[in-house]
Amino acid sequence: MDVEKDQARVKAFNSLPCKSLSPSRMVPNTWYFDLRYISIDPPSHMLFLYQPGSHFIHTEPLPHNNPPEQPGIAFFPENGEQAATEVVKVIMHGFLNSFGIGHFEQHPPDAFAPFKLMTEDSSLAREVGKELKRIGVTHKNLWNVQVAPDSTLRVAHENFKTLYGHMKTRMGLKVLAFASFETPCSIVFLNPSRYKEMITRDDSADRTCAYMSQLRNAKLAEENFSGDKMMKELDTLSRLFETRPLDTVKREADGGNGMSAIDYALRVRNGIGCTPNRATIHEYLVKAIQTPSSNDVTKSIAHSLLINWYTDALKPDHGLPIRYLLAAAYHADQAVTLAHGNASPAVLFFGLNLMKPAAEKVLQLYAQFKNVWSAVDKRNEEIEKERIHAQTKRMEKPNRYRCANVGCLIQTDTGKMLRQCSGKCDPDKKPSYCSKECVTDQKADWKNHKPFCKPGQLCSVIAPESDYGMIRTHSGALSIPIQHSNERTTLLSSSTWSAEDLRKIKRELENKRT
C-alpha cells in the first residue's frame, strides 16, 4: 500500500508544471529547504521551505503522515542519506497540496513544482538530489540540489525565527520561559568521524553482562540486588540467547511485541548474533514505544534506553549537539512519566550528570522536562537523608568507619569493610584499617598504636579525618575523597576496588589538576 502511494505521489508530482518563474511570474521559482529539530511537545523534526524571491515560508512535520498529536521520534537522521527519503516525500507533499492553502482559501492556487532547490548541508543536498532521481522524478533540474549561499541562509533563519516566535506564543509561555526557547538552527550533519565506533566485547559472557547492565539501568532500581541474583540473571540470559534466535526475536518485534523489540535492540547494540547498527537500535526502541500492545513499563524502559542512544553517540571530545541533548531529555521525561514519577538509574544519571550541568547554558532545559527535574530533586533529597543517617551512625563509632592510618583517608559505609586491630585494646578503642599495608608498612599506624594496644588504654586515633558524608550501599564500599581544582571535594566509591586502587586513582586525578 505504501509503495502504491509513493508511486502515485511521484506520478502526480511529475505532472505538475515546472517553470523557472513562479506562477506570479514575478520571482524565480527557486526554493530553499532545511531540517530543524523542534523540541516543543510533541517533539519532531520539521522541514522548513522558504522562497527567497517572495519570502513565502511553509513547514512540514517529519516523518511524513505522522499523526499531529504523536511525537516524531521515529525520525532522527544522522546523515543526509537517512534523511533524504522522508524529506523528498514532504517536499512533494507540500507542492502537491499548494502548501495547505486550500485549508484557508476556497479557491487555492494551482499546484506547481519547484524549478530549483537548495539547502545548507552539502550531504543533504546530494542525497535529496539522488533520491529524487531514484524514485523517478522527471524534472531533471531537481536532481542537482545546490548548496545555498550565506545570504540566503541568514534571511531564511530570520524568517524562521519569526515563525518560531509565533509557535512559542501559541504555547502560552511566560516571559522567562519564552526567552529560554532559542530558535532552532538548520541541521548540518556531522562528519562520520565524530561518531563513536560501536565496539563490542570479544567474550560472549562480557556481551551478556553488558546487555544485562544496560537493561537494568533502564528499569527502576531493585532493592538488594545480590551477586547471587546477578549470576542467576546472567545464566537465564545466556540460555535465552541460545533458545531464542535473533530472527525469532525480530519477527516477534515486527509483529507488535514491545519487549521483543527491546530485546532485539539490545542484542543489536551488543553484537549478540549480529553486527551493531545505530539506526536499527533506534528503530526498534521506538517500535517498543509505539507498539499499541506495549504497557507503560515497557515504554518507560525503551525511553530510558534511548537516553544513552543520544548521549553516547559522539566521541567525548566533540560534545553533545543541542538536538541530541533535547531529545535525550524528552525521553528521560517520558520514562519518568510512564513510571508514575519514579526514575530509572539511566534517567537519574542523565539528569544529575548531563542535564543539570548543561542547563546552565541551555536554559530551555529548565523550562521543560519538569518530571526529570522532580526526579533529580527527589533523589538528591534521598541522598541527603541517607548521608545524614550514615554520618550519624559513624559519629557514634568513628574508629569503625575510617582507616586509622594518618593520611590514608579511606572510609567506608559499613564496618565489615575494614579490619580491626586484633590486639588486646578495648573493643570501643580499637582502630580499623583498610589494608594490611596501613598496619605494617614503614609509614603505617602500628608504631603509633602499639603503646595503646592494651586493655584500659586511651584510643590511639587522636585526630580522625573529616567525614565526607558517604551514604550506605547494599554490599559495602570503600571511599576516598578527591580534591578538585575548584576546591570542591567529592567521594570516589567502589565495592570492588581495593584501598590501594582508590589511593592510586586519587593520586592520578589530583596530579592532573596541578
Protein backbone atom coordinates (compact mmCIF):
# COMPACT_ATOMS: atom_id res chain seq x y z
CA MET A 1 0.00 0.00 0.00
CA ASP A 2 2.80 2.45 0.91
CA VAL A 3 4.60 1.60 -2.33
CA GLU A 4 1.47 2.37 -4.33
CA LYS A 5 1.03 5.68 -2.51
CA ASP A 6 4.67 6.59 -3.14
CA GLN A 7 4.34 5.79 -6.84
CA ALA A 8 1.11 7.79 -7.10
CA ARG A 9 2.79 10.75 -5.38
CA VAL A 10 5.69 10.71 -7.85
CA LYS A 11 3.32 10.43 -10.81
CA ALA A 12 1.27 13.39 -9.57
CA PHE A 13 4.41 15.44 -8.90
CA ASN A 14 5.75 14.74 -12.38
CA SER A 15 2.50 16.08 -13.85
CA LEU A 16 2.95 19.49 -12.20
CA PRO A 17 4.25 22.39 -14.29
CA CYS A 18 7.91 23.13 -13.54
CA LYS A 19 8.94 26.57 -14.79
CA SER A 20 11.79 28.92 -13.97
CA LEU A 21 9.40 31.59 -12.71
CA SER A 22 6.77 31.18 -10.03
CA PRO A 23 3.10 31.29 -11.12
CA SER A 24 3.08 35.03 -10.36
CA ARG A 25 5.89 35.40 -12.94
CA MET A 26 7.43 37.99 -10.63
CA VAL A 27 10.06 35.92 -8.79
CA PRO A 28 12.26 32.92 -9.61
CA ASN A 29 10.76 29.52 -8.83
CA THR A 30 13.71 28.79 -6.54
CA TRP A 31 13.22 27.26 -3.11
CA TYR A 32 15.38 26.81 -0.05
CA PHE A 33 14.71 23.98 2.42
CA ASP A 34 16.31 22.71 5.61
CA LEU A 35 15.69 20.46 8.61
CA ARG A 36 15.21 21.71 12.18
CA TYR A 37 14.56 19.89 15.44
CA ILE A 38 11.57 21.27 17.34
CA SER A 39 11.56 20.23 21.00
CA ILE A 40 8.16 21.78 21.73
CA ASP A 41 5.87 18.94 22.80
CA PRO A 42 5.20 16.77 20.85
CA PRO A 43 8.80 16.97 19.57
CA SER A 44 9.70 16.25 15.97
CA HIS A 45 11.90 17.34 13.11
CA MET A 46 10.45 19.89 10.75
CA LEU A 47 11.06 20.69 7.10
CA PHE A 48 11.29 24.43 6.52
CA LEU A 49 10.59 25.70 2.99
CA TYR A 50 11.42 29.27 2.01
CA GLN A 51 11.19 31.11 -1.31
CA PRO A 52 13.82 33.89 -1.31
CA GLY A 53 12.08 35.93 -4.01
CA SER A 54 8.74 36.28 -2.24
CA HIS A 55 9.74 35.44 1.36
CA PHE A 56 6.96 32.85 1.40
CA ILE A 57 7.51 30.19 4.07
CA HIS A 58 6.00 26.78 4.72
CA THR A 59 6.68 23.94 7.15
CA GLU A 60 6.01 20.21 7.11
CA PRO A 61 6.37 17.85 10.10
CA LEU A 62 8.56 14.79 9.80
CA PRO A 63 8.20 11.92 9.29
CA HIS A 64 5.55 12.17 6.57
CA ASN A 65 2.00 11.34 7.69
CA ASN A 66 2.97 11.27 11.37
CA PRO A 67 -0.21 11.90 13.44
CA PRO A 68 -0.21 15.54 14.68
CA GLU A 69 -0.56 14.55 18.34
CA GLN A 70 2.18 11.91 18.18
CA PRO A 71 5.86 12.85 18.65
CA GLY A 72 8.00 12.29 15.58
CA ILE A 73 10.61 10.25 17.45
CA ALA A 74 10.87 7.63 14.70
CA PHE A 75 12.72 10.15 12.52
CA PHE A 76 16.14 11.15 13.84
CA PRO A 77 18.55 11.20 10.88
CA GLU A 78 22.29 11.34 11.49
CA ASN A 79 23.28 11.91 7.86
CA GLY A 80 21.82 13.09 4.58
CA GLU A 81 21.16 9.58 3.34
CA GLN A 82 18.96 8.74 6.33
CA ALA A 83 17.02 11.99 5.91
CA ALA A 84 16.53 12.04 2.13
CA THR A 85 13.58 9.66 1.73
CA GLU A 86 11.30 11.48 4.18
CA VAL A 87 12.48 14.92 3.09
CA VAL A 88 11.61 14.19 -0.54
CA LYS A 89 8.17 12.90 0.47
CA VAL A 90 7.26 16.06 2.38
CA ILE A 91 8.68 18.39 -0.28
CA MET A 92 6.48 16.73 -2.91
CA HIS A 93 3.53 16.70 -0.50
CA GLY A 94 3.90 20.43 0.16
CA PHE A 95 3.90 21.37 -3.51
CA LEU A 96 1.15 18.91 -4.48
CA ASN A 97 -1.13 20.37 -1.79
CA SER A 98 -0.31 24.00 -2.60
CA PHE A 99 1.27 24.32 0.87
CA GLY A 100 -2.06 23.68 2.58
CA ILE A 101 -3.54 26.96 1.36
CA GLY A 102 -6.70 25.06 0.44
CA HIS A 103 -7.47 24.78 4.16
CA PHE A 104 -7.84 28.55 4.35
CA GLU A 105 -8.98 29.61 0.86
CA GLN A 106 -11.97 28.38 -1.10
CA HIS A 107 -10.08 28.58 -4.38
CA PRO A 108 -6.41 27.77 -3.73
CA PRO A 109 -3.84 28.38 -6.47
CA ASP A 110 -2.97 25.60 -8.85
CA ALA A 111 -0.18 23.32 -7.71
CA PHE A 112 3.25 23.59 -9.31
CA ALA A 113 6.68 22.01 -8.93
CA PRO A 114 9.82 23.91 -7.89
CA PHE A 115 12.31 24.67 -10.63
CA LYS A 116 15.34 24.77 -8.38
CA LEU A 117 16.09 23.51 -4.85
CA MET A 118 18.88 24.45 -2.44
CA THR A 119 19.78 23.78 1.18
CA GLU A 120 22.55 24.43 3.70
CA ASP A 121 24.00 20.96 4.24
CA SER A 122 26.00 19.59 1.32
CA SER A 123 25.33 15.94 2.16
CA LEU A 124 21.59 16.57 2.38
CA ALA A 125 21.69 18.39 -0.96
CA ARG A 126 23.49 15.49 -2.60
CA GLU A 127 21.26 12.77 -1.13
CA VAL A 128 17.96 14.57 -1.83
CA GLY A 129 19.01 15.00 -5.47
CA LYS A 130 19.89 11.31 -5.68
CA GLU A 131 16.58 10.31 -4.10
CA LEU A 132 14.55 12.47 -6.50
CA LYS A 133 16.29 10.79 -9.41
CA ARG A 134 15.98 7.29 -7.89
CA ILE A 135 12.22 7.44 -7.39
CA GLY A 136 11.63 8.62 -10.94
CA VAL A 137 11.05 12.38 -10.71
CA THR A 138 11.25 13.62 -14.29
CA HIS A 139 12.04 17.26 -13.52
CA LYS A 140 15.75 16.70 -14.09
CA ASN A 141 16.74 20.15 -12.88
CA LEU A 142 15.80 18.96 -9.36
CA TRP A 143 18.37 16.18 -9.45
CA ASN A 144 21.07 18.75 -8.76
CA VAL A 145 20.20 20.31 -5.39
CA GLN A 146 22.56 23.19 -4.70
CA VAL A 147 24.17 24.47 -1.51
CA ALA A 148 22.59 27.79 -0.55
CA PRO A 149 24.73 30.95 -0.27
CA ASP A 150 25.26 32.58 3.13
CA SER A 151 22.97 35.49 2.25
CA THR A 152 20.06 33.10 1.74
CA LEU A 153 20.85 31.23 4.96
CA ARG A 154 20.78 34.42 7.01
CA VAL A 155 17.44 35.63 5.67
CA ALA A 156 15.91 32.15 5.88
CA HIS A 157 16.86 31.89 9.55
CA GLU A 158 15.39 35.30 10.33
CA ASN A 159 12.13 34.25 8.70
CA PHE A 160 12.10 31.02 10.67
CA LYS A 161 12.87 32.95 13.86
CA THR A 162 9.70 34.98 13.35
CA LEU A 163 7.70 31.82 12.71
CA TYR A 164 9.14 30.14 15.81
CA GLY A 165 8.16 33.17 17.87
CA HIS A 166 4.55 32.64 16.80
CA MET A 167 4.83 28.96 17.77
CA LYS A 168 6.05 29.93 21.25
CA THR A 169 3.24 32.46 21.60
CA ARG A 170 0.65 29.78 20.84
CA MET A 171 2.18 27.71 23.65
CA GLY A 172 1.33 30.47 26.12
CA LEU A 173 4.85 30.62 27.54
CA LYS A 174 5.60 33.14 30.26
CA VAL A 175 8.23 35.79 29.58
CA LEU A 176 11.23 33.98 31.07
CA ALA A 177 10.32 30.62 29.55
CA PHE A 178 9.61 32.30 26.20
CA ALA A 179 13.10 33.75 26.11
CA SER A 180 14.73 30.46 27.10
CA PHE A 181 13.46 28.66 23.98
CA GLU A 182 16.15 29.58 21.48
CA THR A 183 15.31 29.38 17.78
CA PRO A 184 16.44 26.01 16.37
CA CYS A 185 19.08 26.27 13.65
CA SER A 186 19.22 24.39 10.39
CA ILE A 187 20.73 20.94 10.92
CA VAL A 188 24.18 20.43 9.45
CA PHE A 189 25.04 16.76 9.69
CA LEU A 190 28.23 15.83 11.49
CA ASN A 191 31.24 14.21 9.92
CA PRO A 192 31.01 10.43 10.44
CA SER A 193 34.43 10.51 12.13
CA ARG A 194 32.86 12.33 15.09
CA TYR A 195 30.66 9.37 15.98
CA LYS A 196 31.85 6.66 18.33
CA GLU A 197 32.72 3.35 16.79
CA MET A 198 30.33 0.71 18.10
CA ILE A 199 32.76 -1.73 19.68
CA THR A 200 31.51 -4.99 21.14
CA ARG A 201 33.29 -7.25 23.59
CA ASP A 202 35.03 -10.37 22.25
CA ASP A 203 33.83 -12.65 25.03
CA SER A 204 30.18 -13.76 24.87
CA ALA A 205 29.89 -13.60 28.67
CA ASP A 206 31.01 -9.97 28.59
CA ARG A 207 28.40 -9.18 25.94
CA THR A 208 25.75 -10.81 28.11
CA CYS A 209 26.91 -8.73 31.10
CA ALA A 210 26.68 -5.55 29.03
CA TYR A 211 23.16 -6.47 27.88
CA MET A 212 22.08 -7.10 31.48
CA SER A 213 23.66 -3.89 32.75
CA GLN A 214 22.00 -1.74 30.08
CA LEU A 215 18.59 -3.29 30.70
CA ARG A 216 18.87 -2.99 34.49
CA ASN A 217 19.86 0.67 34.25
CA ALA A 218 16.72 1.30 32.19
CA LYS A 219 14.46 -0.32 34.79
CA LEU A 220 13.55 1.06 38.20
CA ALA A 221 16.29 0.21 40.70
CA GLU A 222 15.79 -3.07 42.52
CA GLU A 223 16.44 -3.31 46.25
CA ASN A 224 19.04 -5.83 47.45
CA PHE A 225 20.26 -6.97 44.05
CA SER A 226 22.78 -9.53 45.29
CA GLY A 227 25.67 -11.17 43.50
CA ASP A 228 23.82 -14.50 43.52
CA LYS A 229 20.81 -12.92 41.88
CA MET A 230 23.04 -11.32 39.25
CA MET A 231 24.64 -14.67 38.41
CA LYS A 232 21.21 -16.29 38.05
CA GLU A 233 20.09 -13.49 35.75
CA LEU A 234 23.21 -13.88 33.60
CA ASP A 235 22.60 -17.61 33.36
CA THR A 236 18.97 -17.03 32.34
CA LEU A 237 20.03 -14.57 29.64
CA SER A 238 22.67 -16.93 28.27
CA ARG A 239 20.08 -19.69 27.91
CA LEU A 240 17.64 -17.22 26.37
CA PHE A 241 20.13 -16.23 23.68
CA GLU A 242 20.61 -19.91 22.81
CA THR A 243 16.95 -20.93 22.76
CA ARG A 244 15.50 -17.80 21.13
CA PRO A 245 17.39 -17.00 17.92
CA LEU A 246 17.75 -13.42 16.74
CA ASP A 247 15.39 -13.98 13.79
CA THR A 248 12.66 -15.18 16.14
CA VAL A 249 13.01 -12.11 18.36
CA LYS A 250 12.93 -9.80 15.33
CA ARG A 251 9.83 -11.49 13.96
CA GLU A 252 8.05 -11.05 17.30
CA ALA A 253 9.14 -7.41 17.47
CA ASP A 254 7.87 -6.72 13.96
CA GLY A 255 4.63 -8.44 14.95
CA GLY A 256 3.96 -5.97 17.76
CA ASN A 257 5.70 -7.39 20.84
CA GLY A 258 7.24 -4.43 22.68
CA MET A 259 9.57 -6.39 24.96
CA SER A 260 10.83 -8.39 21.98
CA ALA A 261 11.61 -5.07 20.28
CA ILE A 262 13.69 -4.07 23.33
CA ASP A 263 15.36 -7.48 23.36
CA TYR A 264 16.22 -7.17 19.67
CA ALA A 265 17.57 -3.63 20.09
CA LEU A 266 19.84 -4.70 22.96
CA ARG A 267 21.11 -7.72 21.06
CA VAL A 268 21.98 -5.50 18.11
CA ARG A 269 23.60 -2.96 20.47
CA ASN A 270 25.88 -5.63 21.95
CA GLY A 271 26.56 -7.63 18.81
CA ILE A 272 24.79 -10.75 20.08
CA GLY A 273 24.31 -12.75 16.89
CA CYS A 274 24.69 -9.72 14.63
CA THR A 275 26.69 -6.58 13.86
CA PRO A 276 25.82 -3.42 15.88
CA ASN A 277 23.92 -0.73 13.98
CA ARG A 278 22.79 2.57 15.48
CA ALA A 279 19.86 3.09 13.13
CA THR A 280 18.48 -0.37 13.86
CA ILE A 281 18.80 0.10 17.62
CA HIS A 282 16.87 3.37 17.40
CA GLU A 283 14.22 1.88 15.11
CA TYR A 284 13.38 -0.98 17.46
CA LEU A 285 13.42 1.04 20.67
CA VAL A 286 10.96 3.45 19.06
CA LYS A 287 8.94 0.45 17.88
CA ALA A 288 8.70 -0.73 21.50
CA ILE A 289 7.26 2.67 22.44
CA GLN A 290 4.81 2.98 19.56
CA THR A 291 3.57 -0.62 19.52
CA PRO A 292 -0.10 -0.46 20.65
CA SER A 293 0.25 -3.53 22.89
CA SER A 294 3.19 -2.12 24.90
CA ASN A 295 2.34 -1.26 28.50
CA ASP A 296 3.74 1.68 30.47
CA VAL A 297 6.58 -0.39 31.94
CA THR A 298 7.79 -1.48 28.50
CA LYS A 299 7.54 2.06 27.14
CA SER A 300 9.40 3.52 30.13
CA ILE A 301 12.25 1.02 29.68
CA ALA A 302 12.52 1.85 25.97
CA HIS A 303 12.57 5.60 26.68
CA SER A 304 15.32 5.07 29.29
CA LEU A 305 17.40 3.04 26.82
CA LEU A 306 17.06 5.75 24.19
CA ILE A 307 18.68 8.30 26.52
CA ASN A 308 22.03 6.58 26.09
CA TRP A 309 21.49 6.25 22.33
CA TYR A 310 21.66 10.05 22.12
CA THR A 311 24.19 10.85 24.83
CA ASP A 312 26.69 8.15 23.86
CA ALA A 313 26.63 8.84 20.11
CA LEU A 314 29.70 11.03 19.73
CA LYS A 315 33.30 10.84 20.80
CA PRO A 316 33.85 12.62 24.16
CA ASP A 317 35.93 15.46 22.71
CA HIS A 318 33.16 16.51 20.31
CA GLY A 319 30.50 17.46 22.84
CA LEU A 320 26.77 16.83 22.53
CA PRO A 321 24.76 18.67 19.83
CA ILE A 322 21.70 20.52 21.11
CA ARG A 323 19.15 18.32 19.33
CA TYR A 324 20.72 15.20 20.87
CA LEU A 325 20.58 16.78 24.33
CA LEU A 326 16.95 17.88 23.95
CA ALA A 327 15.90 14.52 22.52
CA ALA A 328 17.57 12.67 25.40
CA ALA A 329 15.84 14.97 27.89
CA TYR A 330 12.48 14.27 26.25
CA HIS A 331 12.96 10.51 26.56
CA ALA A 332 14.10 10.87 30.18
CA ASP A 333 10.98 12.91 30.94
CA GLN A 334 8.72 10.35 29.29
CA ALA A 335 10.42 7.50 31.15
CA VAL A 336 9.59 9.17 34.48
CA THR A 337 6.01 9.95 33.43
CA LEU A 338 5.34 6.35 32.40
CA ALA A 339 6.89 5.11 35.67
CA HIS A 340 4.46 7.29 37.66
CA GLY A 341 7.09 9.72 38.89
CA ASN A 342 9.84 7.20 39.56
CA ALA A 343 13.17 7.29 37.76
CA SER A 344 15.46 4.57 36.47
CA PRO A 345 19.23 4.76 37.10
CA ALA A 346 19.65 5.81 33.45
CA VAL A 347 17.32 8.78 33.97
CA LEU A 348 18.99 9.82 37.22
CA PHE A 349 22.48 9.57 35.76
CA PHE A 350 21.44 11.72 32.81
CA GLY A 351 19.63 14.25 34.97
CA LEU A 352 22.40 14.64 37.55
CA ASN A 353 25.49 14.38 35.36
CA LEU A 354 24.47 15.73 31.94
CA MET A 355 21.21 17.63 32.01
CA LYS A 356 21.84 19.65 35.16
CA PRO A 357 25.29 20.95 34.10
CA ALA A 358 24.04 21.61 30.54
CA ALA A 359 21.07 23.63 31.81
CA GLU A 360 23.42 26.43 32.89
CA LYS A 361 23.88 27.22 29.19
CA VAL A 362 20.73 25.68 27.68
CA LEU A 363 18.11 27.43 29.82
CA GLN A 364 15.33 25.77 27.87
CA LEU A 365 16.05 22.59 29.84
CA TYR A 366 14.83 24.36 32.99
CA ALA A 367 11.59 25.40 31.27
CA GLN A 368 10.84 21.89 30.01
CA PHE A 369 11.15 18.35 31.34
CA LYS A 370 9.63 19.01 34.77
CA ASN A 371 9.40 15.30 35.50
CA VAL A 372 13.16 14.85 35.23
CA TRP A 373 13.81 17.82 37.49
CA SER A 374 11.36 16.44 40.06
CA ALA A 375 13.08 13.04 39.95
CA VAL A 376 16.50 14.66 40.36
CA ASP A 377 15.30 16.73 43.33
CA LYS A 378 13.71 13.65 44.89
CA ARG A 379 16.93 11.67 44.51
CA ASN A 380 19.03 14.50 45.96
CA GLU A 381 16.74 14.56 49.00
CA GLU A 382 17.09 10.78 49.40
CA ILE A 383 20.88 11.02 49.14
CA GLU A 384 20.98 13.77 51.75
CA LYS A 385 18.82 11.75 54.15
CA GLU A 386 20.99 8.68 53.64
CA ARG A 387 24.12 10.76 54.13
CA ILE A 388 22.88 12.26 57.39
CA HIS A 389 21.76 8.85 58.67
CA ALA A 390 25.06 7.21 57.77
CA GLN A 391 27.08 10.11 59.17
CA THR A 392 25.16 9.97 62.46
CA LYS A 393 25.85 6.25 62.73
CA ARG A 394 29.55 6.75 62.02
CA MET A 395 29.83 9.52 64.59
CA GLU A 396 28.77 7.01 67.27
CA LYS A 397 31.78 4.80 66.44
CA PRO A 398 34.07 6.91 64.24
CA ASN A 399 37.00 4.48 64.51
CA ARG A 400 34.94 1.72 62.89
CA TYR A 401 34.26 3.51 59.61
CA ARG A 402 37.58 5.10 58.62
CA CYS A 403 41.14 3.89 58.32
CA ALA A 404 43.18 4.86 61.39
CA ASN A 405 46.41 5.34 59.43
CA VAL A 406 47.03 9.09 59.38
CA GLY A 407 46.67 10.50 55.88
CA CYS A 408 45.11 7.36 54.37
CA LEU A 409 41.64 8.99 54.02
CA ILE A 410 39.90 5.73 53.16
CA GLN A 411 36.46 5.45 54.77
CA THR A 412 33.59 3.01 54.40
CA ASP A 413 29.84 2.80 54.72
CA THR A 414 29.91 -0.40 56.75
CA GLY A 415 32.35 -1.60 59.39
CA LYS A 416 32.82 -5.03 57.82
CA MET A 417 34.86 -3.45 55.02
CA LEU A 418 37.71 -2.55 57.44
CA ARG A 419 39.93 -4.77 59.58
CA GLN A 420 40.01 -4.04 63.29
CA CYS A 421 43.14 -4.38 65.35
CA SER A 422 43.39 -7.97 66.65
CA GLY A 423 45.32 -6.94 69.74
CA LYS A 424 44.19 -6.61 73.37
CA CYS A 425 42.97 -3.00 73.20
CA ASP A 426 39.38 -2.39 74.33
CA PRO A 427 36.71 -3.03 71.64
CA ASP A 428 35.47 0.57 71.67
CA LYS A 429 39.03 1.87 71.29
CA LYS A 430 40.19 -0.45 68.50
CA PRO A 431 41.44 1.30 65.35
CA SER A 432 40.32 -0.04 61.95
CA TYR A 433 42.42 -0.37 58.82
CA CYS A 434 41.62 -0.57 55.12
CA SER A 435 44.51 -2.89 54.28
CA LYS A 436 47.46 -4.77 55.72
CA GLU A 437 49.76 -2.08 54.33
CA CYS A 438 48.21 0.56 56.58
CA VAL A 439 49.16 -1.59 59.60
CA THR A 440 52.58 -2.99 58.75
CA ASP A 441 54.25 -0.61 56.28
CA GLN A 442 57.08 1.58 57.49
CA LYS A 443 54.88 4.69 57.48
CA ALA A 444 51.80 2.85 58.72
CA ASP A 445 49.97 3.11 62.02
CA TRP A 446 51.39 0.26 64.13
CA LYS A 447 54.17 2.37 65.65
CA ASN A 448 51.56 4.89 66.70
CA HIS A 449 49.07 2.34 68.05
CA LYS A 450 51.42 -0.17 69.70
CA PRO A 451 51.70 1.66 73.08
CA PHE A 452 47.89 1.82 73.27
CA CYS A 453 47.22 -1.82 72.31
CA LYS A 454 46.42 -2.83 75.90
CA PRO A 455 43.26 -3.06 78.00
CA GLY A 456 42.22 0.19 79.65
CA GLN A 457 44.34 2.43 77.42
CA LEU A 458 43.15 5.54 75.59
CA CYS A 459 42.28 5.45 71.93
CA SER A 460 45.29 5.90 69.66
CA VAL A 461 43.21 7.64 66.98
CA ILE A 462 43.58 11.18 68.23
CA ALA A 463 42.90 13.13 65.02
CA PRO A 464 40.24 11.41 62.91
CA GLU A 465 39.91 12.55 59.32
CA SER A 466 36.91 14.57 58.14
CA ASP A 467 33.67 12.70 57.43
CA TYR A 468 32.66 13.45 53.83
CA GLY A 469 29.16 12.08 54.16
CA MET A 470 29.35 8.72 52.40
CA ILE A 471 25.93 7.08 52.02
CA ARG A 472 25.10 3.42 52.67
CA THR A 473 25.37 0.81 49.91
CA HIS A 474 23.87 -2.68 49.91
CA SER A 475 27.12 -4.61 49.52
CA GLY A 476 29.51 -2.27 51.32
CA ALA A 477 32.02 0.05 49.67
CA LEU A 478 35.30 1.85 50.29
CA SER A 479 35.58 5.57 49.56
CA ILE A 480 38.28 8.19 49.30
CA PRO A 481 37.89 11.98 48.97
CA ILE A 482 39.09 13.63 45.75
CA GLN A 483 40.10 17.30 45.81
CA HIS A 484 39.20 19.11 42.56
CA SER A 485 40.77 22.23 41.09
CA ASN A 486 37.75 24.33 42.14
CA GLU A 487 38.36 23.27 45.78
CA ARG A 488 35.29 21.02 45.67
CA THR A 489 35.61 17.61 47.32
CA THR A 490 33.83 14.51 46.03
CA LEU A 491 33.92 10.89 47.14
CA LEU A 492 35.15 8.14 44.84
CA SER A 493 33.47 4.92 45.99
CA SER A 494 33.72 1.30 44.93
CA SER A 495 32.64 -2.07 46.27
CA THR A 496 35.19 -3.91 44.10
CA TRP A 497 38.37 -1.80 44.00
CA SER A 498 40.94 -2.21 46.75
CA ALA A 499 42.09 0.58 49.03
CA GLU A 500 45.35 0.78 47.07
CA ASP A 501 43.39 1.10 43.80
CA LEU A 502 41.44 4.03 45.22
CA ARG A 503 44.57 5.75 46.54
CA LYS A 504 46.24 5.33 43.14
CA ILE A 505 43.28 6.84 41.30
CA LYS A 506 43.19 9.70 43.82
CA ARG A 507 46.85 10.49 43.13
CA GLU A 508 46.33 10.40 39.36
CA LEU A 509 43.24 12.61 39.42
CA GLU A 510 44.71 15.16 41.80
CA ASN A 511 48.02 15.28 39.92
CA LYS A 512 46.17 16.21 36.73
CA ARG A 513 44.89 19.43 38.29
CA THR A 514 48.36 20.65 39.24
